[in-house]
PDB file of N, CA and C in Angstrom:
ATOM      1  N   MET A   1      -2.470  14.508   6.318  1.00  0.00           N
ATOM      2  CA  MET A   1      -1.595  13.403   6.253  1.00  0.00           C
ATOM      3  C   MET A   1      -0.110  13.396   5.418  1.00  0.00           C
ATOM      4  N   ILE A   2       0.981  14.080   5.276  1.00  0.00           N
ATOM      5  CA  ILE A   2       1.438  14.435   3.954  1.00  0.00           C
ATOM      6  C   ILE A   2       2.046  12.882   3.251  1.00  0.00           C
ATOM      7  N   LEU A   3       2.283  12.522   3.125  1.00  0.00           N
ATOM      8  CA  LEU A   3       2.934  11.068   2.223  1.00  0.00           C
ATOM      9  C   LEU A   3       3.457  11.496   0.858  1.00  0.00           C
ATOM     10  N   VAL A   4       4.999  11.294   1.302  1.00  0.00           N
ATOM     11  CA  VAL A   4       6.105  11.073   0.016  1.00  0.00           C
ATOM     12  C   VAL A   4       6.989  10.001  -0.612  1.00  0.00           C
ATOM     13  N   ASN A   5       7.061   9.685  -1.327  1.00  0.00           N
ATOM     14  CA  ASN A   5       8.091   9.103  -2.027  1.00  0.00           C
ATOM     15  C   ASN A   5      10.025   9.321  -1.587  1.00  0.00           C
ATOM     16  N   THR A   6       9.993  10.797  -1.334  1.00  0.00           N
ATOM     17  CA  THR A   6      11.356  11.060  -1.304  1.00  0.00           C
ATOM     18  C   THR A   6      11.951  10.760   0.169  1.00  0.00           C
ATOM     19  N   ASP A   7      12.905  11.296   1.057  1.00  0.00           N
ATOM     20  CA  ASP A   7      13.071  11.413   2.065  1.00  0.00           C
ATOM     21  C   ASP A   7      13.469  12.630   2.772  1.00  0.00           C
ATOM     22  N   TYR A   8      12.813  14.024   1.881  1.00  0.00           N
ATOM     23  CA  TYR A   8      12.846  15.328   2.837  1.00  0.00           C
ATOM     24  C   TYR A   8      11.180  15.533   2.212  1.00  0.00           C
ATOM     25  N   ILE A   9      11.065  16.859   2.832  1.00  0.00           N
ATOM     26  CA  ILE A   9       9.852  17.959   2.115  1.00  0.00           C
ATOM     27  C   ILE A   9      10.510  19.213   2.185  1.00  0.00           C
ATOM     28  N   THR A  10      10.470  19.850   0.981  1.00  0.00           N
ATOM     29  CA  THR A  10      11.172  21.152   0.760  1.00  0.00           C
ATOM     30  C   THR A  10      10.583  21.935   1.975  1.00  0.00           C
ATOM     31  N   GLY A  11      11.608  22.458   2.333  1.00  0.00           N
ATOM     32  CA  GLY A  11      11.201  23.652   2.828  1.00  0.00           C
ATOM     33  C   GLY A  11      10.953  23.003   4.759  1.00  0.00           C
ATOM     34  N   LYS A  12      10.718  22.178   5.152  1.00  0.00           N
ATOM     35  CA  LYS A  12      10.392  21.263   5.995  1.00  0.00           C
ATOM     36  C   LYS A  12      11.981  20.539   7.361  1.00  0.00           C
ATOM     37  N   GLU A  13      11.889  20.787   8.346  1.00  0.00           N
ATOM     38  CA  GLU A  13      13.358  20.533   9.259  1.00  0.00           C
ATOM     39  C   GLU A  13      12.384  19.059  10.354  1.00  0.00           C
ATOM     40  N   LEU A  14      13.294  18.163   9.940  1.00  0.00           N
ATOM     41  CA  LEU A  14      11.891  16.657  10.016  1.00  0.00           C
ATOM     42  C   LEU A  14      12.434  16.120  11.394  1.00  0.00           C
ATOM     43  N   GLU A  15      12.181  15.361  11.797  1.00  0.00           N
ATOM     44  CA  GLU A  15      12.437  14.904  13.287  1.00  0.00           C
ATOM     45  C   GLU A  15      11.947  13.573  12.602  1.00  0.00           C
ATOM     46  N   MET A  16      12.551  12.563  12.541  1.00  0.00           N
ATOM     47  CA  MET A  16      12.163  10.723  12.539  1.00  0.00           C
ATOM     48  C   MET A  16      11.321  10.356  13.559  1.00  0.00           C
ATOM     49  N   LEU A  17      10.625  10.061  13.729  1.00  0.00           N
ATOM     50  CA  LEU A  17       9.967   8.723  14.316  1.00  0.00           C
ATOM     51  C   LEU A  17       9.693   7.299  14.755  1.00  0.00           C
ATOM     52  N   GLY A  18       9.910   7.014  13.257  1.00  0.00           N
ATOM     53  CA  GLY A  18       9.971   5.530  13.480  1.00  0.00           C
ATOM     54  C   GLY A  18       9.400   5.683  12.221  1.00  0.00           C
ATOM     55  N   LEU A  19       9.692   3.788  11.928  1.00  0.00           N
ATOM     56  CA  LEU A  19       9.204   2.880  11.030  1.00  0.00           C
ATOM     57  C   LEU A  19       7.452   2.629  11.645  1.00  0.00           C
ATOM     58  N   VAL A  20       6.560   3.367   9.655  1.00  0.00           N
ATOM     59  CA  VAL A  20       5.611   2.832  10.279  1.00  0.00           C
ATOM     60  C   VAL A  20       4.981   1.857   8.779  1.00  0.00           C
ATOM     61  N   LYS A  21       4.431   1.225   9.075  1.00  0.00           N
ATOM     62  CA  LYS A  21       3.690   0.231   8.409  1.00  0.00           C
ATOM     63  C   LYS A  21       2.456  -0.037   8.157  1.00  0.00           C
ATOM     64  N   GLY A  22       1.499  -0.747   6.812  1.00  0.00           N
ATOM     65  CA  GLY A  22      -0.464  -0.742   6.696  1.00  0.00           C
ATOM     66  C   GLY A  22      -0.035  -2.358   6.298  1.00  0.00           C
ATOM     67  N   ALA A  23      -0.656  -3.401   6.245  1.00  0.00           N
ATOM     68  CA  ALA A  23      -0.714  -4.264   5.724  1.00  0.00           C
ATOM     69  C   ALA A  23      -2.326  -4.989   5.319  1.00  0.00           C
ATOM     70  N   THR A  24      -2.378  -5.703   3.978  1.00  0.00           N
ATOM     71  CA  THR A  24      -3.597  -5.937   4.135  1.00  0.00           C
ATOM     72  C   THR A  24      -3.326  -7.314   2.726  1.00  0.00           C
ATOM     73  N   ILE A  25      -4.553  -8.383   3.296  1.00  0.00           N
ATOM     74  CA  ILE A  25      -4.139  -9.618   2.427  1.00  0.00           C
ATOM     75  C   ILE A  25      -5.671  -9.628   1.614  1.00  0.00           C
ATOM     76  N   GLN A  26      -5.365  -9.619   0.294  1.00  0.00           N
ATOM     77  CA  GLN A  26      -6.401  -9.636  -0.574  1.00  0.00           C
ATOM     78  C   GLN A  26      -6.793 -11.189  -1.159  1.00  0.00           C
ATOM     79  N   SER A  27      -7.941 -11.540  -0.991  1.00  0.00           N
ATOM     80  CA  SER A  27      -8.221 -12.733  -2.099  1.00  0.00           C
ATOM     81  C   SER A  27      -8.474 -13.009  -3.251  1.00  0.00           C
ATOM     82  N   LYS A  28      -8.949 -13.349  -4.014  1.00  0.00           N
ATOM     83  CA  LYS A  28      -9.405 -13.225  -5.473  1.00  0.00           C
ATOM     84  C   LYS A  28     -11.160 -14.023  -4.886  1.00  0.00           C
ATOM     85  N   ASN A  29     -12.100 -14.085  -5.299  1.00  0.00           N
ATOM     86  CA  ASN A  29     -13.429 -14.626  -5.203  1.00  0.00           C
ATOM     87  C   ASN A  29     -13.032 -15.349  -6.437  1.00  0.00           C
ATOM     88  N   ILE A  30     -14.054 -16.319  -6.765  1.00  0.00           N
ATOM     89  CA  ILE A  30     -14.235 -17.585  -7.666  1.00  0.00           C
ATOM     90  C   ILE A  30     -14.797 -16.766  -8.852  1.00  0.00           C
ATOM     91  N   GLY A  31     -15.625 -16.268  -8.812  1.00  0.00           N
ATOM     92  CA  GLY A  31     -16.346 -15.274  -9.508  1.00  0.00           C
ATOM     93  C   GLY A  31     -15.051 -14.724 -10.532  1.00  0.00           C
ATOM     94  N   ARG A  32     -14.673 -14.006 -10.605  1.00  0.00           N
ATOM     95  CA  ARG A  32     -13.652 -12.744 -10.722  1.00  0.00           C
ATOM     96  C   ARG A  32     -12.825 -13.960 -11.063  1.00  0.00           C
ATOM     97  N   ASP A  33     -12.512 -14.972 -10.690  1.00  0.00           N
ATOM     98  CA  ASP A  33     -10.918 -15.892 -11.238  1.00  0.00           C
ATOM     99  C   ASP A  33     -11.812 -16.725 -12.547  1.00  0.00           C
ATOM    100  N   ILE A  34     -13.167 -17.102 -12.438  1.00  0.00           N
ATOM    101  CA  ILE A  34     -13.326 -17.562 -13.589  1.00  0.00           C
ATOM    102  C   ILE A  34     -13.133 -16.855 -14.930  1.00  0.00           C
ATOM    103  N   THR A  35     -13.678 -15.900 -14.505  1.00  0.00           N
ATOM    104  CA  THR A  35     -13.567 -14.676 -15.951  1.00  0.00           C
ATOM    105  C   THR A  35     -12.607 -14.065 -15.754  1.00  0.00           C
ATOM    106  N   GLN A  36     -11.747 -14.254 -14.965  1.00  0.00           N
ATOM    107  CA  GLN A  36     -10.744 -13.202 -15.528  1.00  0.00           C
ATOM    108  C   GLN A  36      -8.968 -14.360 -15.949  1.00  0.00           C
ATOM    109  N   SER A  37      -9.477 -16.251 -16.047  1.00  0.00           N
ATOM    110  CA  SER A  37      -8.927 -17.067 -16.181  1.00  0.00           C
ATOM    111  C   SER A  37      -9.042 -16.878 -18.462  1.00  0.00           C
ATOM    112  N   PHE A  38     -10.652 -16.829 -18.236  1.00  0.00           N
ATOM    113  CA  PHE A  38     -10.646 -16.423 -19.765  1.00  0.00           C
ATOM    114  C   PHE A  38     -10.274 -15.645 -20.334  1.00  0.00           C
ATOM    115  N   LYS A  39      -9.993 -14.456 -19.777  1.00  0.00           N
ATOM    116  CA  LYS A  39      -9.099 -13.304 -20.204  1.00  0.00           C
ATOM    117  C   LYS A  39      -7.421 -13.668 -20.412  1.00  0.00           C
ATOM    118  N   THR A  40      -7.113 -14.539 -19.761  1.00  0.00           N
ATOM    119  CA  THR A  40      -5.608 -15.392 -20.365  1.00  0.00           C
ATOM    120  C   THR A  40      -5.357 -15.705 -21.529  1.00  0.00           C
ATOM    121  N   LEU A  41      -6.425 -16.467 -21.992  1.00  0.00           N
ATOM    122  CA  LEU A  41      -6.517 -16.746 -23.120  1.00  0.00           C
ATOM    123  C   LEU A  41      -6.192 -16.460 -24.024  1.00  0.00           C
ATOM    124  N   VAL A  42      -7.187 -15.324 -24.158  1.00  0.00           N
ATOM    125  CA  VAL A  42      -6.661 -13.859 -25.325  1.00  0.00           C
ATOM    126  C   VAL A  42      -5.661 -12.571 -24.977  1.00  0.00           C
ATOM    127  N   GLY A  43      -5.881 -12.795 -23.998  1.00  0.00           N
ATOM    128  CA  GLY A  43      -4.678 -11.546 -23.874  1.00  0.00           C
ATOM    129  C   GLY A  43      -5.116 -10.136 -23.140  1.00  0.00           C
ATOM    130  N   GLY A  44      -4.247  -9.064 -22.164  1.00  0.00           N
ATOM    131  CA  GLY A  44      -4.675  -7.890 -21.615  1.00  0.00           C
ATOM    132  C   GLY A  44      -4.806  -7.459 -20.410  1.00  0.00           C
ATOM    133  N   GLU A  45      -5.564  -6.614 -20.407  1.00  0.00           N
ATOM    134  CA  GLU A  45      -5.457  -6.776 -18.705  1.00  0.00           C
ATOM    135  C   GLU A  45      -5.687  -7.416 -18.066  1.00  0.00           C
ATOM    136  N   LEU A  46      -5.849  -7.508 -16.691  1.00  0.00           N
ATOM    137  CA  LEU A  46      -6.655  -8.001 -15.655  1.00  0.00           C
ATOM    138  C   LEU A  46      -7.503  -7.235 -15.100  1.00  0.00           C
ATOM    139  N   GLY A  47      -8.501  -6.762 -15.928  1.00  0.00           N
ATOM    140  CA  GLY A  47      -9.074  -5.932 -15.110  1.00  0.00           C
ATOM    141  C   GLY A  47      -9.433  -5.840 -13.460  1.00  0.00           C
ATOM    142  N   ALA A  48     -10.699  -7.006 -13.466  1.00  0.00           N
ATOM    143  CA  ALA A  48     -10.871  -7.276 -11.878  1.00  0.00           C
ATOM    144  C   ALA A  48      -9.259  -7.580 -10.947  1.00  0.00           C
ATOM    145  N   TYR A  49      -8.477  -7.906 -11.295  1.00  0.00           N
ATOM    146  CA  TYR A  49      -7.160  -8.060 -10.104  1.00  0.00           C
ATOM    147  C   TYR A  49      -6.347  -7.023 -10.069  1.00  0.00           C
ATOM    148  N   THR A  50      -6.327  -5.821 -11.099  1.00  0.00           N
ATOM    149  CA  THR A  50      -6.377  -4.360 -10.644  1.00  0.00           C
ATOM    150  C   THR A  50      -6.746  -3.559  -9.727  1.00  0.00           C
ATOM    151  N   ASP A  51      -8.201  -3.548  -9.817  1.00  0.00           N
ATOM    152  CA  ASP A  51      -8.954  -2.949  -9.339  1.00  0.00           C
ATOM    153  C   ASP A  51      -8.727  -3.783  -7.846  1.00  0.00           C
ATOM    154  N   MET A  52      -8.611  -4.981  -7.639  1.00  0.00           N
ATOM    155  CA  MET A  52      -8.427  -5.484  -6.286  1.00  0.00           C
ATOM    156  C   MET A  52      -7.015  -4.841  -5.979  1.00  0.00           C
ATOM    157  N   MET A  53      -5.960  -4.789  -6.526  1.00  0.00           N
ATOM    158  CA  MET A  53      -4.731  -4.374  -6.146  1.00  0.00           C
ATOM    159  C   MET A  53      -4.582  -3.111  -5.843  1.00  0.00           C
ATOM    160  N   ASN A  54      -5.482  -2.270  -6.211  1.00  0.00           N
ATOM    161  CA  ASN A  54      -5.342  -0.763  -6.306  1.00  0.00           C
ATOM    162  C   ASN A  54      -6.344  -0.472  -4.823  1.00  0.00           C
ATOM    163  N   GLN A  55      -7.374  -1.704  -4.531  1.00  0.00           N
ATOM    164  CA  GLN A  55      -8.019  -1.752  -3.684  1.00  0.00           C
ATOM    165  C   GLN A  55      -7.131  -2.102  -2.544  1.00  0.00           C
ATOM    166  N   ALA A  56      -6.206  -3.112  -2.431  1.00  0.00           N
ATOM    167  CA  ALA A  56      -5.385  -3.186  -1.230  1.00  0.00           C
ATOM    168  C   ALA A  56      -4.306  -1.915  -1.002  1.00  0.00           C
ATOM    169  N   ARG A  57      -3.725  -1.565  -2.147  1.00  0.00           N
ATOM    170  CA  ARG A  57      -2.901  -0.741  -2.024  1.00  0.00           C
ATOM    171  C   ARG A  57      -3.522   0.091  -0.862  1.00  0.00           C
ATOM    172  N   ALA A  58      -4.667   1.148  -1.455  1.00  0.00           N
ATOM    173  CA  ALA A  58      -5.146   1.937  -0.558  1.00  0.00           C
ATOM    174  C   ALA A  58      -5.215   1.871   0.930  1.00  0.00           C
ATOM    175  N   LEU A  59      -6.009   0.302   0.867  1.00  0.00           N
ATOM    176  CA  LEU A  59      -6.318   0.294   2.299  1.00  0.00           C
ATOM    177  C   LEU A  59      -5.013  -0.024   3.312  1.00  0.00           C
ATOM    178  N   ALA A  60      -3.808  -0.499   3.054  1.00  0.00           N
ATOM    179  CA  ALA A  60      -2.737  -0.270   3.494  1.00  0.00           C
ATOM    180  C   ALA A  60      -1.915   0.244   3.387  1.00  0.00           C
ATOM    181  N   THR A  61      -1.728   1.800   2.503  1.00  0.00           N
ATOM    182  CA  THR A  61      -1.475   3.564   2.676  1.00  0.00           C
ATOM    183  C   THR A  61      -2.449   3.448   3.853  1.00  0.00           C
ATOM    184  N   LYS A  62      -3.857   2.775   4.077  1.00  0.00           N
ATOM    185  CA  LYS A  62      -5.196   3.758   5.057  1.00  0.00           C
ATOM    186  C   LYS A  62      -4.022   3.572   6.439  1.00  0.00           C
ATOM    187  N   ARG A  63      -3.672   2.476   6.552  1.00  0.00           N
ATOM    188  CA  ARG A  63      -3.616   2.164   7.771  1.00  0.00           C
ATOM    189  C   ARG A  63      -2.081   2.372   7.943  1.00  0.00           C
ATOM    190  N   MET A  64      -0.967   2.238   7.677  1.00  0.00           N
ATOM    191  CA  MET A  64      -0.102   2.691   7.651  1.00  0.00           C
ATOM    192  C   MET A  64      -0.078   4.688   7.931  1.00  0.00           C
ATOM    193  N   ALA A  65      -1.266   4.939   7.158  1.00  0.00           N
ATOM    194  CA  ALA A  65      -1.028   6.699   7.477  1.00  0.00           C
ATOM    195  C   ALA A  65      -1.846   7.142   9.269  1.00  0.00           C
ATOM    196  N   ALA A  66      -2.472   5.646   9.208  1.00  0.00           N
ATOM    197  CA  ALA A  66      -3.356   5.551  10.484  1.00  0.00           C
ATOM    198  C   ALA A  66      -2.108   5.271  11.520  1.00  0.00           C
ATOM    199  N   GLU A  67      -1.313   4.609  11.639  1.00  0.00           N
ATOM    200  CA  GLU A  67      -0.802   4.364  12.148  1.00  0.00           C
ATOM    201  C   GLU A  67       0.656   5.069  12.743  1.00  0.00           C
ATOM    202  N   ALA A  68       1.043   6.353  11.826  1.00  0.00           N
ATOM    203  CA  ALA A  68       1.877   7.335  11.915  1.00  0.00           C
ATOM    204  C   ALA A  68       1.020   8.229  12.388  1.00  0.00           C
ATOM    205  N   GLU A  69       0.390   8.533  12.005  1.00  0.00           N
ATOM    206  CA  GLU A  69      -0.760   9.595  13.322  1.00  0.00           C
ATOM    207  C   GLU A  69      -0.858   9.393  14.240  1.00  0.00           C
ATOM    208  N   GLN A  70      -1.137   7.331  14.953  1.00  0.00           N
ATOM    209  CA  GLN A  70      -1.124   7.460  16.465  1.00  0.00           C
ATOM    210  C   GLN A  70      -0.102   7.713  16.894  1.00  0.00           C
ATOM    211  N   LEU A  71       1.324   7.865  16.279  1.00  0.00           N
ATOM    212  CA  LEU A  71       2.404   8.303  16.695  1.00  0.00           C
ATOM    213  C   LEU A  71       2.676  10.229  16.965  1.00  0.00           C
ATOM    214  N   GLY A  72       1.740  11.005  16.636  1.00  0.00           N
ATOM    215  CA  GLY A  72       1.809  12.335  16.494  1.00  0.00           C
ATOM    216  C   GLY A  72       2.381  13.043  15.004  1.00  0.00           C
ATOM    217  N   ALA A  73       2.547  11.835  13.903  1.00  0.00           N
ATOM    218  CA  ALA A  73       3.929  12.794  13.032  1.00  0.00           C
ATOM    219  C   ALA A  73       2.535  13.769  11.919  1.00  0.00           C
ATOM    220  N   ASP A  74       3.522  13.711  11.468  1.00  0.00           N
ATOM    221  CA  ASP A  74       2.893  14.793  10.292  1.00  0.00           C
ATOM    222  C   ASP A  74       2.915  14.526   9.219  1.00  0.00           C
ATOM    223  N   ALA A  75       3.725  13.444   8.732  1.00  0.00           N
ATOM    224  CA  ALA A  75       3.989  13.525   7.672  1.00  0.00           C
ATOM    225  C   ALA A  75       4.859  12.182   7.947  1.00  0.00           C
ATOM    226  N   VAL A  76       4.148  11.064   6.618  1.00  0.00           N
ATOM    227  CA  VAL A  76       5.490  10.042   6.084  1.00  0.00           C
ATOM    228  C   VAL A  76       6.244   9.947   4.865  1.00  0.00           C
ATOM    229  N   VAL A  77       7.275   9.960   5.139  1.00  0.00           N
ATOM    230  CA  VAL A  77       9.066   9.923   4.184  1.00  0.00           C
ATOM    231  C   VAL A  77       8.964   8.053   3.851  1.00  0.00           C
ATOM    232  N   ASN A  78       9.717   8.312   2.305  1.00  0.00           N
ATOM    233  CA  ASN A  78      10.196   7.457   1.718  1.00  0.00           C
ATOM    234  C   ASN A  78       8.894   6.197   1.659  1.00  0.00           C
ATOM    235  N   VAL A  79       7.539   6.512   1.023  1.00  0.00           N
ATOM    236  CA  VAL A  79       6.983   5.528   1.527  1.00  0.00           C
ATOM    237  C   VAL A  79       6.975   4.860  -0.015  1.00  0.00           C
ATOM    238  N   ARG A  80       7.012   3.003   0.594  1.00  0.00           N
ATOM    239  CA  ARG A  80       7.259   2.238  -0.504  1.00  0.00           C
ATOM    240  C   ARG A  80       6.002   1.114   0.085  1.00  0.00           C
ATOM    241  N   TYR A  81       6.556   0.714  -1.728  1.00  0.00           N
ATOM    242  CA  TYR A  81       4.951  -0.332  -1.401  1.00  0.00           C
ATOM    243  C   TYR A  81       5.631  -2.252  -1.765  1.00  0.00           C
ATOM    244  N   ALA A  82       5.236  -3.057  -1.468  1.00  0.00           N
ATOM    245  CA  ALA A  82       5.653  -4.719  -1.762  1.00  0.00           C
ATOM    246  C   ALA A  82       4.456  -5.080  -1.781  1.00  0.00           C
ATOM    247  N   SER A  83       5.044  -6.261  -2.569  1.00  0.00           N
ATOM    248  CA  SER A  83       3.871  -7.355  -2.620  1.00  0.00           C
ATOM    249  C   SER A  83       4.158  -8.737  -2.207  1.00  0.00           C
ATOM    250  N   SER A  84       3.895  -9.761  -2.015  1.00  0.00           N
ATOM    251  CA  SER A  84       3.961 -11.153  -2.251  1.00  0.00           C
ATOM    252  C   SER A  84       2.748 -12.181  -2.164  1.00  0.00           C
ATOM    253  N   ALA A  85       3.026 -13.524  -2.459  1.00  0.00           N
ATOM    254  CA  ALA A  85       1.696 -14.269  -2.345  1.00  0.00           C
ATOM    255  C   ALA A  85       1.427 -14.925  -1.236  1.00  0.00           C
ATOM    256  N   VAL A  86       0.718 -14.753  -0.862  1.00  0.00           N
ATOM    257  CA  VAL A  86       1.167 -15.816   0.529  1.00  0.00           C
ATOM    258  C   VAL A  86       0.159 -16.826   0.711  1.00  0.00           C
ATOM    259  N   MET A  87      -0.086 -17.041  -0.174  1.00  0.00           N
ATOM    260  CA  MET A  87      -0.553 -18.700  -0.532  1.00  0.00           C
ATOM    261  C   MET A  87      -1.420 -18.672  -1.884  1.00  0.00           C
ATOM    262  N   GLN A  88      -1.787 -19.666  -2.526  1.00  0.00           N
ATOM    263  CA  GLN A  88      -2.414 -19.586  -4.006  1.00  0.00           C
ATOM    264  C   GLN A  88      -3.294 -18.714  -4.187  1.00  0.00           C
ATOM    265  N   GLY A  89      -3.536 -17.761  -4.877  1.00  0.00           N
ATOM    266  CA  GLY A  89      -4.897 -16.878  -4.708  1.00  0.00           C
ATOM    267  C   GLY A  89      -5.373 -15.531  -3.712  1.00  0.00           C
ATOM    268  N   ALA A  90      -3.977 -15.594  -3.177  1.00  0.00           N
ATOM    269  CA  ALA A  90      -4.243 -14.893  -1.803  1.00  0.00           C
ATOM    270  C   ALA A  90      -2.877 -13.779  -1.967  1.00  0.00           C
ATOM    271  N   ALA A  91      -3.015 -12.301  -2.148  1.00  0.00           N
ATOM    272  CA  ALA A  91      -1.752 -11.585  -1.979  1.00  0.00           C
ATOM    273  C   ALA A  91      -1.695 -10.449  -0.751  1.00  0.00           C
ATOM    274  N   GLU A  92      -0.581 -10.006  -0.144  1.00  0.00           N
ATOM    275  CA  GLU A  92      -0.499  -9.698   0.845  1.00  0.00           C
ATOM    276  C   GLU A  92       0.380  -8.357   0.527  1.00  0.00           C
ATOM    277  N   VAL A  93      -0.447  -6.923   0.671  1.00  0.00           N
ATOM    278  CA  VAL A  93       0.078  -5.678   0.050  1.00  0.00           C
ATOM    279  C   VAL A  93       0.365  -4.884   1.100  1.00  0.00           C
ATOM    280  N   MET A  94       1.986  -4.349   1.076  1.00  0.00           N
ATOM    281  CA  MET A  94       2.152  -4.164   2.544  1.00  0.00           C
ATOM    282  C   MET A  94       3.006  -2.370   1.971  1.00  0.00           C
ATOM    283  N   ALA A  95       2.250  -1.116   3.019  1.00  0.00           N
ATOM    284  CA  ALA A  95       2.869   0.219   2.552  1.00  0.00           C
ATOM    285  C   ALA A  95       3.797   0.190   4.252  1.00  0.00           C
ATOM    286  N   TYR A  96       4.755   0.987   3.591  1.00  0.00           N
ATOM    287  CA  TYR A  96       5.579   1.589   4.786  1.00  0.00           C
ATOM    288  C   TYR A  96       6.393   2.483   4.273  1.00  0.00           C
ATOM    289  N   GLY A  97       6.418   3.160   5.370  1.00  0.00           N
ATOM    290  CA  GLY A  97       7.668   4.763   5.549  1.00  0.00           C
ATOM    291  C   GLY A  97       8.288   4.814   6.746  1.00  0.00           C
ATOM    292  N   THR A  98       8.821   6.454   6.720  1.00  0.00           N
ATOM    293  CA  THR A  98       9.381   6.095   8.065  1.00  0.00           C
ATOM    294  C   THR A  98       8.008   8.019   8.379  1.00  0.00           C
ATOM    295  N   ALA A  99       7.462   7.300   9.766  1.00  0.00           N
ATOM    296  CA  ALA A  99       7.057   8.748   9.961  1.00  0.00           C
ATOM    297  C   ALA A  99       7.920   9.954  10.642  1.00  0.00           C
ATOM    298  N   VAL A 100       7.378  10.739   9.879  1.00  0.00           N
ATOM    299  CA  VAL A 100       8.247  11.918  10.927  1.00  0.00           C
ATOM    300  C   VAL A 100       7.277  13.688  11.801  1.00  0.00           C
ATOM    301  N   LYS A 101       7.534  14.060  12.278  1.00  0.00           N
ATOM    302  CA  LYS A 101       7.290  15.142  12.644  1.00  0.00           C
ATOM    303  C   LYS A 101       7.627  16.797  12.544  1.00  0.00           C
ATOM    304  N   PHE A 102       6.867  17.879  12.123  1.00  0.00           N
ATOM    305  CA  PHE A 102       8.038  19.179  11.416  1.00  0.00           C
ATOM    306  C   PHE A 102       8.895  19.599  12.751  1.00  0.00           C
ATOM    307  N   ARG A 103       9.286  20.044  12.545  1.00  0.00           N
ATOM    308  CA  ARG A 103      10.629  20.767  13.939  1.00  0.00           C
ATOM    309  C   ARG A 103       9.937  22.366  13.586  1.00  0.00           C
TER     310      ARG A 103
END
């Protein structure tokens, strides 16, 4: 499965199949929350949260690609990511794009 953030793939004629998406909601655990709250006192990257969000993006991308495969797609173009807080301590990550088939 080819995933790109452009609306074309060089050298390919595309047939649009439709919108595909994948999402996950991740929450922080109490241990990670406590250690990361101390980090906010001194500043710097919150590595545990960076890792959590990277894992969430990877899972959302995998789910989007699986939805595209169910449609018989060869690729997903215009891949985008969105995130939002759904409640205190939990964030949703969504990957979405347009499933296409090569002509």
